[in-house]
Amino acid sequence: MAKSNDPSIKDADTYEALRDQGASKEKAARIANAQARDDMNPSKKGGKAPPYEDWTKDDLYERAQEIGIDGRSDMSKDQLIDALRKH
């Protein structure tokens, strides 16, 4: 649970709401901190990357490796997509 005086969490209410919805600690902190900044709009659509379904399995594996998803070597393409989206 984030404390309102925790310097790494800028918007504790948003962080807690996201954690309650099942977001990872990292994802909840990233979104809560972005929403606390005036120059960021995390609710707007992100970059122009193609959807994961258009990526090759090798590309998905590399991305999973970059962010440290455990068990990626045994995952199918659909499992990699699911793990990346849940991260």
N, C-alpha and C. Protein backbone atom coordinates (compact mmCIF):
# COMPACT_ATOMS: atom_id res chain seq x y z
N MET A 1 0.85 -1.18 0.00
CA MET A 1 0.00 0.00 0.00
C MET A 1 0.88 1.24 0.00
N ALA A 2 0.61 2.16 -0.90
CA ALA A 2 1.38 3.39 -0.99
C ALA A 2 0.93 4.36 0.10
N LYS A 3 1.88 5.03 0.65
CA LYS A 3 1.57 6.04 1.66
C LYS A 3 1.60 7.39 0.98
N SER A 4 0.73 8.29 1.42
CA SER A 4 0.66 9.61 0.79
C SER A 4 1.97 10.38 0.92
N ASN A 5 2.81 10.01 1.87
CA ASN A 5 4.09 10.69 2.02
C ASN A 5 5.23 9.94 1.32
N ASP A 6 4.91 8.90 0.57
CA ASP A 6 5.90 8.14 -0.19
C ASP A 6 6.34 8.97 -1.38
N PRO A 7 7.61 9.40 -1.44
CA PRO A 7 8.04 10.29 -2.52
C PRO A 7 8.02 9.66 -3.91
N SER A 8 8.00 8.32 -3.99
CA SER A 8 8.00 7.70 -5.31
C SER A 8 6.61 7.62 -5.92
N ILE A 9 5.56 7.80 -5.13
CA ILE A 9 4.19 7.78 -5.63
C ILE A 9 3.63 9.20 -5.50
N LYS A 10 3.33 9.80 -6.65
CA LYS A 10 2.89 11.20 -6.66
C LYS A 10 1.38 11.34 -6.44
N ASP A 11 0.60 10.32 -6.80
CA ASP A 11 -0.86 10.38 -6.64
C ASP A 11 -1.30 9.06 -6.00
N ALA A 12 -1.30 9.02 -4.68
CA ALA A 12 -1.57 7.78 -3.94
C ALA A 12 -2.97 7.25 -4.18
N ASP A 13 -3.96 8.12 -4.35
CA ASP A 13 -5.34 7.66 -4.58
C ASP A 13 -5.44 6.91 -5.91
N THR A 14 -4.85 7.47 -6.95
CA THR A 14 -4.86 6.81 -8.25
C THR A 14 -4.09 5.49 -8.18
N TYR A 15 -2.96 5.50 -7.51
CA TYR A 15 -2.16 4.28 -7.36
C TYR A 15 -2.98 3.18 -6.71
N GLU A 16 -3.65 3.49 -5.61
CA GLU A 16 -4.44 2.49 -4.88
C GLU A 16 -5.61 1.99 -5.74
N ALA A 17 -6.26 2.89 -6.47
CA ALA A 17 -7.37 2.48 -7.33
C ALA A 17 -6.88 1.51 -8.41
N LEU A 18 -5.74 1.80 -9.00
CA LEU A 18 -5.19 0.92 -10.03
C LEU A 18 -4.77 -0.43 -9.45
N ARG A 19 -4.18 -0.43 -8.27
CA ARG A 19 -3.80 -1.69 -7.62
C ARG A 19 -5.05 -2.52 -7.31
N ASP A 20 -6.12 -1.86 -6.87
CA ASP A 20 -7.37 -2.56 -6.59
C ASP A 20 -7.96 -3.18 -7.85
N GLN A 21 -7.69 -2.57 -9.01
CA GLN A 21 -8.18 -3.08 -10.28
C GLN A 21 -7.27 -4.19 -10.83
N GLY A 22 -6.16 -4.47 -10.14
CA GLY A 22 -5.29 -5.56 -10.55
C GLY A 22 -4.03 -5.14 -11.28
N ALA A 23 -3.75 -3.85 -11.39
CA ALA A 23 -2.53 -3.39 -12.05
C ALA A 23 -1.31 -3.75 -11.19
N SER A 24 -0.20 -4.02 -11.85
CA SER A 24 1.03 -4.31 -11.12
C SER A 24 1.48 -3.05 -10.38
N LYS A 25 2.35 -3.23 -9.41
CA LYS A 25 2.87 -2.08 -8.66
C LYS A 25 3.57 -1.10 -9.60
N GLU A 26 4.37 -1.67 -10.52
CA GLU A 26 5.12 -0.82 -11.46
C GLU A 26 4.18 -0.02 -12.36
N LYS A 27 3.18 -0.70 -12.92
CA LYS A 27 2.24 -0.03 -13.83
C LYS A 27 1.42 1.01 -13.07
N ALA A 28 0.94 0.67 -11.88
CA ALA A 28 0.14 1.61 -11.10
C ALA A 28 0.95 2.86 -10.75
N ALA A 29 2.20 2.67 -10.37
CA ALA A 29 3.06 3.81 -10.03
C ALA A 29 3.33 4.67 -11.25
N ARG A 30 3.58 4.03 -12.39
CA ARG A 30 3.88 4.76 -13.62
C ARG A 30 2.68 5.63 -14.02
N ILE A 31 1.48 5.07 -13.97
CA ILE A 31 0.29 5.82 -14.36
C ILE A 31 -0.03 6.91 -13.34
N ALA A 32 0.03 6.57 -12.06
CA ALA A 32 -0.27 7.56 -11.02
C ALA A 32 0.69 8.73 -11.09
N ASN A 33 1.95 8.45 -11.30
CA ASN A 33 2.94 9.53 -11.39
C ASN A 33 2.74 10.37 -12.64
N ALA A 34 2.36 9.74 -13.75
CA ALA A 34 2.12 10.49 -14.98
C ALA A 34 0.90 11.39 -14.83
N GLN A 35 -0.14 10.90 -14.18
CA GLN A 35 -1.34 11.71 -13.99
C GLN A 35 -1.09 12.90 -13.06
N ALA A 36 -0.13 12.78 -12.20
CA ALA A 36 0.18 13.86 -11.27
C ALA A 36 0.93 15.00 -11.96
N ARG A 37 1.48 14.73 -13.14
CA ARG A 37 2.24 15.76 -13.87
C ARG A 37 1.33 16.51 -14.82
N ASP A 38 1.48 17.81 -14.87
CA ASP A 38 0.65 18.64 -15.74
C ASP A 38 0.98 18.47 -17.21
N ASP A 39 2.22 18.11 -17.52
CA ASP A 39 2.65 18.01 -18.91
C ASP A 39 2.42 16.63 -19.53
N MET A 40 1.80 15.71 -18.79
CA MET A 40 1.54 14.38 -19.32
C MET A 40 0.04 14.10 -19.32
N ASN A 41 -0.40 13.31 -20.30
CA ASN A 41 -1.81 12.95 -20.43
C ASN A 41 -1.92 11.44 -20.63
N PRO A 42 -1.79 10.64 -19.56
CA PRO A 42 -1.76 9.19 -19.72
C PRO A 42 -3.06 8.58 -20.20
N SER A 43 -4.15 9.33 -20.17
CA SER A 43 -5.40 8.77 -20.65
C SER A 43 -5.52 8.84 -22.17
N LYS A 44 -4.66 9.62 -22.81
CA LYS A 44 -4.68 9.72 -24.26
C LYS A 44 -3.98 8.51 -24.88
N LYS A 45 -4.35 8.19 -26.11
CA LYS A 45 -3.77 7.06 -26.82
C LYS A 45 -2.27 7.25 -26.95
N GLY A 46 -1.55 6.17 -26.79
CA GLY A 46 -0.09 6.20 -26.81
C GLY A 46 0.51 6.30 -28.19
N GLY A 47 1.66 5.63 -28.35
CA GLY A 47 2.44 5.73 -29.57
C GLY A 47 1.79 5.06 -30.76
N LYS A 48 2.56 4.94 -31.80
CA LYS A 48 2.07 4.43 -33.07
C LYS A 48 2.54 3.00 -33.34
N ALA A 49 2.96 2.28 -32.33
CA ALA A 49 3.42 0.91 -32.52
C ALA A 49 2.25 0.03 -32.95
N PRO A 50 2.53 -0.95 -33.81
CA PRO A 50 1.45 -1.85 -34.23
C PRO A 50 1.00 -2.72 -33.07
N PRO A 51 -0.22 -3.26 -33.15
CA PRO A 51 -0.70 -4.13 -32.07
C PRO A 51 0.18 -5.38 -31.95
N TYR A 52 0.23 -5.93 -30.75
CA TYR A 52 1.06 -7.10 -30.51
C TYR A 52 0.75 -8.25 -31.47
N GLU A 53 -0.49 -8.37 -31.90
CA GLU A 53 -0.87 -9.46 -32.81
C GLU A 53 -0.10 -9.39 -34.13
N ASP A 54 0.36 -8.20 -34.50
CA ASP A 54 1.13 -8.04 -35.74
C ASP A 54 2.62 -8.29 -35.55
N TRP A 55 3.09 -8.43 -34.31
CA TRP A 55 4.49 -8.68 -34.03
C TRP A 55 4.81 -10.16 -34.26
N THR A 56 6.07 -10.45 -34.55
CA THR A 56 6.49 -11.84 -34.63
C THR A 56 6.70 -12.37 -33.21
N LYS A 57 6.71 -13.68 -33.10
CA LYS A 57 6.93 -14.28 -31.78
C LYS A 57 8.31 -13.89 -31.25
N ASP A 58 9.31 -13.83 -32.15
CA ASP A 58 10.65 -13.43 -31.72
C ASP A 58 10.67 -12.00 -31.18
N ASP A 59 9.93 -11.09 -31.83
CA ASP A 59 9.86 -9.72 -31.36
C ASP A 59 9.17 -9.63 -30.00
N LEU A 60 8.10 -10.41 -29.85
CA LEU A 60 7.39 -10.45 -28.56
C LEU A 60 8.30 -10.99 -27.46
N TYR A 61 9.06 -12.03 -27.79
CA TYR A 61 9.99 -12.62 -26.83
C TYR A 61 11.04 -11.59 -26.40
N GLU A 62 11.59 -10.86 -27.38
CA GLU A 62 12.60 -9.85 -27.06
C GLU A 62 12.03 -8.77 -26.13
N ARG A 63 10.80 -8.34 -26.41
CA ARG A 63 10.17 -7.33 -25.56
C ARG A 63 9.94 -7.88 -24.16
N ALA A 64 9.48 -9.12 -24.07
CA ALA A 64 9.28 -9.76 -22.76
C ALA A 64 10.60 -9.87 -22.01
N GLN A 65 11.68 -10.13 -22.73
CA GLN A 65 13.00 -10.22 -22.12
C GLN A 65 13.43 -8.85 -21.60
N GLU A 66 13.17 -7.79 -22.37
CA GLU A 66 13.54 -6.43 -21.96
C GLU A 66 12.89 -6.03 -20.64
N ILE A 67 11.64 -6.43 -20.46
CA ILE A 67 10.94 -6.00 -19.24
C ILE A 67 10.94 -7.06 -18.16
N GLY A 68 11.58 -8.20 -18.42
CA GLY A 68 11.80 -9.19 -17.38
C GLY A 68 10.63 -10.09 -17.05
N ILE A 69 9.89 -10.53 -18.04
CA ILE A 69 8.77 -11.44 -17.81
C ILE A 69 9.32 -12.85 -17.63
N ASP A 70 9.01 -13.45 -16.49
CA ASP A 70 9.48 -14.80 -16.19
C ASP A 70 8.71 -15.84 -16.99
N GLY A 71 9.39 -16.92 -17.37
CA GLY A 71 8.76 -18.03 -18.07
C GLY A 71 8.52 -17.78 -19.55
N ARG A 72 9.08 -16.72 -20.08
CA ARG A 72 8.82 -16.33 -21.47
C ARG A 72 9.28 -17.37 -22.49
N SER A 73 10.32 -18.12 -22.15
CA SER A 73 10.85 -19.09 -23.13
C SER A 73 9.89 -20.23 -23.39
N ASP A 74 8.98 -20.50 -22.47
CA ASP A 74 8.01 -21.59 -22.65
C ASP A 74 6.66 -21.09 -23.14
N MET A 75 6.52 -19.80 -23.41
CA MET A 75 5.23 -19.23 -23.78
C MET A 75 4.99 -19.28 -25.28
N SER A 76 3.72 -19.45 -25.64
CA SER A 76 3.30 -19.34 -27.04
C SER A 76 3.17 -17.84 -27.38
N LYS A 77 2.92 -17.54 -28.63
CA LYS A 77 2.75 -16.15 -29.04
C LYS A 77 1.58 -15.51 -28.28
N ASP A 78 0.45 -16.22 -28.18
CA ASP A 78 -0.70 -15.67 -27.46
C ASP A 78 -0.40 -15.46 -25.98
N GLN A 79 0.36 -16.36 -25.38
CA GLN A 79 0.72 -16.20 -23.97
C GLN A 79 1.66 -15.02 -23.77
N LEU A 80 2.58 -14.80 -24.72
CA LEU A 80 3.48 -13.65 -24.64
C LEU A 80 2.69 -12.36 -24.73
N ILE A 81 1.73 -12.31 -25.65
CA ILE A 81 0.89 -11.12 -25.79
C ILE A 81 0.15 -10.85 -24.49
N ASP A 82 -0.44 -11.88 -23.92
CA ASP A 82 -1.18 -11.73 -22.67
C ASP A 82 -0.27 -11.24 -21.54
N ALA A 83 0.91 -11.82 -21.44
CA ALA A 83 1.85 -11.43 -20.38
C ALA A 83 2.31 -9.99 -20.56
N LEU A 84 2.57 -9.58 -21.79
CA LEU A 84 3.00 -8.20 -22.06
C LEU A 84 1.89 -7.21 -21.71
N ARG A 85 0.68 -7.56 -22.04
CA ARG A 85 -0.44 -6.65 -21.75
C ARG A 85 -0.72 -6.55 -20.26
N LYS A 86 -0.45 -7.60 -19.54
CA LYS A 86 -0.70 -7.59 -18.09
C LYS A 86 0.44 -6.94 -17.31
N HIS A 87 1.58 -6.78 -17.94
CA HIS A 87 2.75 -6.23 -17.24
C HIS A 87 2.55 -4.77 -16.90
